[in-house]
Amino acid sequence: TLKACKKEEKIDREFQKKFKFKGRIDVLTQMMVDPATTERRGGAKNLPLRRGEILDVIEFTNEEQILCRNSQRRYGYVPQAVMLPL
């Protein structure tokens, strides 16, 4: 619906401002959080982790972190060590 679409656009604009992300938000791939890892609460720019959750990868920022989006359309950094390819 139009209302849901506008809400998603607002969330995306806030993400671009918070993370200083330029350009279109494209999903590179999907990865799964390791089921053996401990669940973590999110922080200022970190995404909360749930075991077995599938995340959309937006950007591989460095060797240690990945910028991801979860199913609730929340954005944040995730440690690359806890991610498994699908």
N, C-alpha and C. Protein backbone atom coordinates (compact mmCIF):
# COMPACT_ATOMS: atom_id res chain seq x y z
N THR A 1 0.83 -1.18 0.00
CA THR A 1 0.00 0.00 0.00
C THR A 1 0.87 1.24 0.00
N LEU A 2 0.26 2.35 -0.25
CA LEU A 2 0.99 3.62 -0.33
C LEU A 2 1.59 3.99 1.03
N LYS A 3 0.83 3.77 2.09
CA LYS A 3 1.30 4.11 3.43
C LYS A 3 2.53 3.27 3.81
N ALA A 4 2.50 1.98 3.51
CA ALA A 4 3.63 1.11 3.82
C ALA A 4 4.85 1.48 3.00
N CYS A 5 4.62 1.84 1.75
CA CYS A 5 5.72 2.24 0.87
C CYS A 5 6.41 3.51 1.38
N LYS A 6 5.62 4.48 1.81
CA LYS A 6 6.19 5.72 2.34
C LYS A 6 6.96 5.47 3.63
N LYS A 7 6.46 4.54 4.45
CA LYS A 7 7.15 4.21 5.70
C LYS A 7 8.51 3.56 5.40
N GLU A 8 8.55 2.66 4.41
CA GLU A 8 9.81 2.03 4.02
C GLU A 8 10.79 3.06 3.48
N GLU A 9 10.31 4.00 2.69
CA GLU A 9 11.19 5.05 2.17
C GLU A 9 11.77 5.90 3.29
N LYS A 10 10.96 6.20 4.30
CA LYS A 10 11.43 6.98 5.44
C LYS A 10 12.51 6.21 6.20
N ILE A 11 12.29 4.92 6.42
CA ILE A 11 13.27 4.09 7.12
C ILE A 11 14.58 4.06 6.33
N ASP A 12 14.48 3.93 5.00
CA ASP A 12 15.68 3.90 4.17
C ASP A 12 16.44 5.23 4.21
N ARG A 13 15.71 6.36 4.21
CA ARG A 13 16.38 7.67 4.31
C ARG A 13 17.10 7.83 5.65
N GLU A 14 16.46 7.37 6.74
CA GLU A 14 17.09 7.44 8.05
C GLU A 14 18.34 6.58 8.09
N PHE A 15 18.29 5.40 7.47
CA PHE A 15 19.46 4.52 7.39
C PHE A 15 20.60 5.22 6.66
N GLN A 16 20.30 5.83 5.50
CA GLN A 16 21.34 6.49 4.72
C GLN A 16 21.98 7.64 5.48
N LYS A 17 21.19 8.34 6.26
CA LYS A 17 21.72 9.45 7.05
C LYS A 17 22.58 8.93 8.21
N LYS A 18 22.09 7.93 8.93
CA LYS A 18 22.79 7.40 10.10
C LYS A 18 24.12 6.75 9.74
N PHE A 19 24.16 5.99 8.64
CA PHE A 19 25.36 5.26 8.26
C PHE A 19 26.16 5.96 7.17
N LYS A 20 25.74 7.17 6.78
CA LYS A 20 26.42 7.94 5.72
C LYS A 20 26.56 7.10 4.46
N PHE A 21 25.47 6.44 4.09
CA PHE A 21 25.43 5.54 2.94
C PHE A 21 24.95 6.31 1.73
N LYS A 22 25.70 6.28 0.65
CA LYS A 22 25.36 7.00 -0.58
C LYS A 22 24.84 6.01 -1.62
N GLY A 23 23.94 6.45 -2.45
CA GLY A 23 23.45 5.65 -3.57
C GLY A 23 22.27 4.78 -3.20
N ARG A 24 21.95 3.87 -4.13
CA ARG A 24 20.82 2.96 -3.92
C ARG A 24 21.16 1.88 -2.92
N ILE A 25 20.14 1.41 -2.22
CA ILE A 25 20.31 0.31 -1.28
C ILE A 25 20.02 -0.98 -2.03
N ASP A 26 21.07 -1.70 -2.39
CA ASP A 26 20.94 -2.96 -3.11
C ASP A 26 21.35 -4.10 -2.22
N VAL A 27 20.61 -5.20 -2.29
CA VAL A 27 20.96 -6.40 -1.53
C VAL A 27 21.96 -7.18 -2.35
N LEU A 28 23.17 -7.39 -1.80
CA LEU A 28 24.21 -8.13 -2.50
C LEU A 28 23.94 -9.63 -2.44
N THR A 29 23.59 -10.11 -1.26
CA THR A 29 23.33 -11.53 -1.05
C THR A 29 22.58 -11.69 0.26
N GLN A 30 22.23 -12.90 0.60
CA GLN A 30 21.63 -13.20 1.89
C GLN A 30 22.54 -14.16 2.62
N MET A 31 22.65 -13.97 3.93
CA MET A 31 23.46 -14.85 4.77
C MET A 31 22.68 -15.18 6.03
N MET A 32 23.07 -16.27 6.68
CA MET A 32 22.38 -16.71 7.88
C MET A 32 23.28 -16.55 9.10
N VAL A 33 22.67 -16.13 10.21
CA VAL A 33 23.40 -16.05 11.47
C VAL A 33 23.63 -17.48 11.95
N ASP A 34 24.85 -17.79 12.36
CA ASP A 34 25.23 -19.13 12.81
C ASP A 34 24.30 -19.59 13.95
N PRO A 35 23.64 -20.75 13.80
CA PRO A 35 22.76 -21.25 14.86
C PRO A 35 23.49 -21.57 16.16
N ALA A 36 24.81 -21.74 16.11
CA ALA A 36 25.58 -22.06 17.31
C ALA A 36 26.02 -20.82 18.08
N THR A 37 25.82 -19.65 17.52
CA THR A 37 26.25 -18.42 18.19
C THR A 37 25.27 -18.01 19.28
N THR A 38 25.74 -17.18 20.19
CA THR A 38 24.86 -16.66 21.23
C THR A 38 24.09 -15.47 20.68
N GLU A 39 22.87 -15.30 21.12
CA GLU A 39 22.07 -14.17 20.68
C GLU A 39 22.59 -12.90 21.34
N ARG A 40 22.59 -11.81 20.58
CA ARG A 40 23.11 -10.55 21.08
C ARG A 40 22.09 -9.45 20.90
N ARG A 41 22.10 -8.52 21.85
CA ARG A 41 21.25 -7.34 21.72
C ARG A 41 21.95 -6.34 20.82
N GLY A 42 21.18 -5.57 20.12
CA GLY A 42 21.74 -4.55 19.25
C GLY A 42 22.24 -3.36 20.04
N GLY A 43 23.11 -2.61 19.43
CA GLY A 43 23.63 -1.40 20.05
C GLY A 43 23.29 -0.20 19.20
N ALA A 44 24.11 0.82 19.27
CA ALA A 44 23.86 2.05 18.53
C ALA A 44 23.79 1.79 17.03
N LYS A 45 24.77 1.11 16.50
CA LYS A 45 24.79 0.81 15.07
C LYS A 45 24.88 -0.70 14.80
N ASN A 46 24.74 -1.51 15.83
CA ASN A 46 24.80 -2.95 15.67
C ASN A 46 23.40 -3.55 15.62
N LEU A 47 23.24 -4.53 14.78
CA LEU A 47 21.96 -5.20 14.60
C LEU A 47 21.82 -6.31 15.65
N PRO A 48 20.65 -6.45 16.27
CA PRO A 48 20.47 -7.57 17.21
C PRO A 48 20.52 -8.89 16.45
N LEU A 49 21.14 -9.89 17.06
CA LEU A 49 21.32 -11.18 16.40
C LEU A 49 20.42 -12.24 17.01
N ARG A 50 19.77 -13.01 16.15
CA ARG A 50 18.99 -14.16 16.57
C ARG A 50 19.52 -15.37 15.82
N ARG A 51 19.62 -16.49 16.50
CA ARG A 51 20.16 -17.71 15.88
C ARG A 51 19.34 -18.12 14.67
N GLY A 52 20.04 -18.44 13.58
CA GLY A 52 19.40 -18.93 12.37
C GLY A 52 18.67 -17.88 11.55
N GLU A 53 18.75 -16.62 11.95
CA GLU A 53 18.07 -15.55 11.22
C GLU A 53 18.75 -15.31 9.88
N ILE A 54 17.97 -15.08 8.85
CA ILE A 54 18.52 -14.78 7.53
C ILE A 54 18.50 -13.26 7.33
N LEU A 55 19.67 -12.72 6.98
CA LEU A 55 19.83 -11.27 6.83
C LEU A 55 20.20 -10.93 5.40
N ASP A 56 19.75 -9.77 4.93
CA ASP A 56 20.14 -9.23 3.63
C ASP A 56 21.46 -8.47 3.81
N VAL A 57 22.45 -8.80 3.00
CA VAL A 57 23.74 -8.11 3.06
C VAL A 57 23.68 -6.89 2.14
N ILE A 58 23.92 -5.72 2.73
CA ILE A 58 23.91 -4.47 1.98
C ILE A 58 25.32 -4.11 1.52
N GLU A 59 26.31 -4.31 2.41
CA GLU A 59 27.69 -3.93 2.08
C GLU A 59 28.66 -4.71 2.94
N PHE A 60 29.74 -5.21 2.33
CA PHE A 60 30.84 -5.80 3.09
C PHE A 60 31.76 -4.65 3.44
N THR A 61 31.68 -4.15 4.69
CA THR A 61 32.39 -2.94 5.05
C THR A 61 33.88 -3.18 5.26
N ASN A 62 34.23 -4.25 5.96
CA ASN A 62 35.63 -4.59 6.17
C ASN A 62 35.73 -6.08 6.49
N GLU A 63 36.90 -6.54 6.93
CA GLU A 63 37.10 -7.95 7.22
C GLU A 63 36.32 -8.42 8.44
N GLU A 64 35.91 -7.51 9.29
CA GLU A 64 35.27 -7.90 10.55
C GLU A 64 33.77 -7.68 10.60
N GLN A 65 33.24 -6.74 9.82
CA GLN A 65 31.82 -6.41 9.91
C GLN A 65 31.15 -6.35 8.55
N ILE A 66 29.83 -6.62 8.59
CA ILE A 66 29.00 -6.56 7.39
C ILE A 66 27.80 -5.66 7.73
N LEU A 67 27.42 -4.82 6.80
CA LEU A 67 26.23 -4.00 6.97
C LEU A 67 25.04 -4.79 6.44
N CYS A 68 24.06 -5.05 7.32
CA CYS A 68 22.94 -5.93 6.98
C CYS A 68 21.60 -5.30 7.30
N ARG A 69 20.54 -5.94 6.79
CA ARG A 69 19.16 -5.56 7.07
C ARG A 69 18.41 -6.83 7.46
N ASN A 70 17.61 -6.75 8.54
CA ASN A 70 16.86 -7.93 8.96
C ASN A 70 15.44 -7.90 8.40
N SER A 71 14.62 -8.86 8.79
CA SER A 71 13.27 -8.97 8.24
C SER A 71 12.35 -7.85 8.71
N GLN A 72 12.68 -7.18 9.83
CA GLN A 72 11.90 -6.04 10.30
C GLN A 72 12.35 -4.73 9.67
N ARG A 73 13.21 -4.82 8.66
CA ARG A 73 13.77 -3.67 7.93
C ARG A 73 14.61 -2.77 8.82
N ARG A 74 15.28 -3.36 9.80
CA ARG A 74 16.23 -2.62 10.63
C ARG A 74 17.62 -2.88 10.08
N TYR A 75 18.45 -1.84 10.11
CA TYR A 75 19.80 -1.91 9.56
C TYR A 75 20.83 -1.88 10.68
N GLY A 76 22.01 -2.47 10.42
CA GLY A 76 23.09 -2.39 11.39
C GLY A 76 24.25 -3.28 11.00
N TYR A 77 25.32 -3.16 11.78
CA TYR A 77 26.51 -3.95 11.54
C TYR A 77 26.40 -5.30 12.25
N VAL A 78 26.95 -6.33 11.59
CA VAL A 78 26.97 -7.69 12.13
C VAL A 78 28.39 -8.20 12.01
N PRO A 79 28.94 -8.87 13.04
CA PRO A 79 30.28 -9.44 12.91
C PRO A 79 30.31 -10.53 11.83
N GLN A 80 31.30 -10.46 10.97
CA GLN A 80 31.39 -11.42 9.88
C GLN A 80 31.65 -12.85 10.40
N ALA A 81 32.22 -12.96 11.60
CA ALA A 81 32.55 -14.28 12.14
C ALA A 81 31.32 -15.12 12.47
N VAL A 82 30.16 -14.49 12.69
CA VAL A 82 28.95 -15.23 13.05
C VAL A 82 28.04 -15.48 11.84
N MET A 83 28.47 -15.12 10.64
CA MET A 83 27.64 -15.26 9.46
C MET A 83 28.05 -16.48 8.64
N LEU A 84 27.03 -17.16 8.10
CA LEU A 84 27.24 -18.32 7.24
C LEU A 84 26.59 -18.07 5.90
N PRO A 85 27.25 -18.46 4.79
CA PRO A 85 26.61 -18.30 3.47
C PRO A 85 25.45 -19.27 3.32
N LEU A 86 24.47 -18.89 2.53
CA LEU A 86 23.34 -19.79 2.27
C LEU A 86 23.67 -20.73 1.14
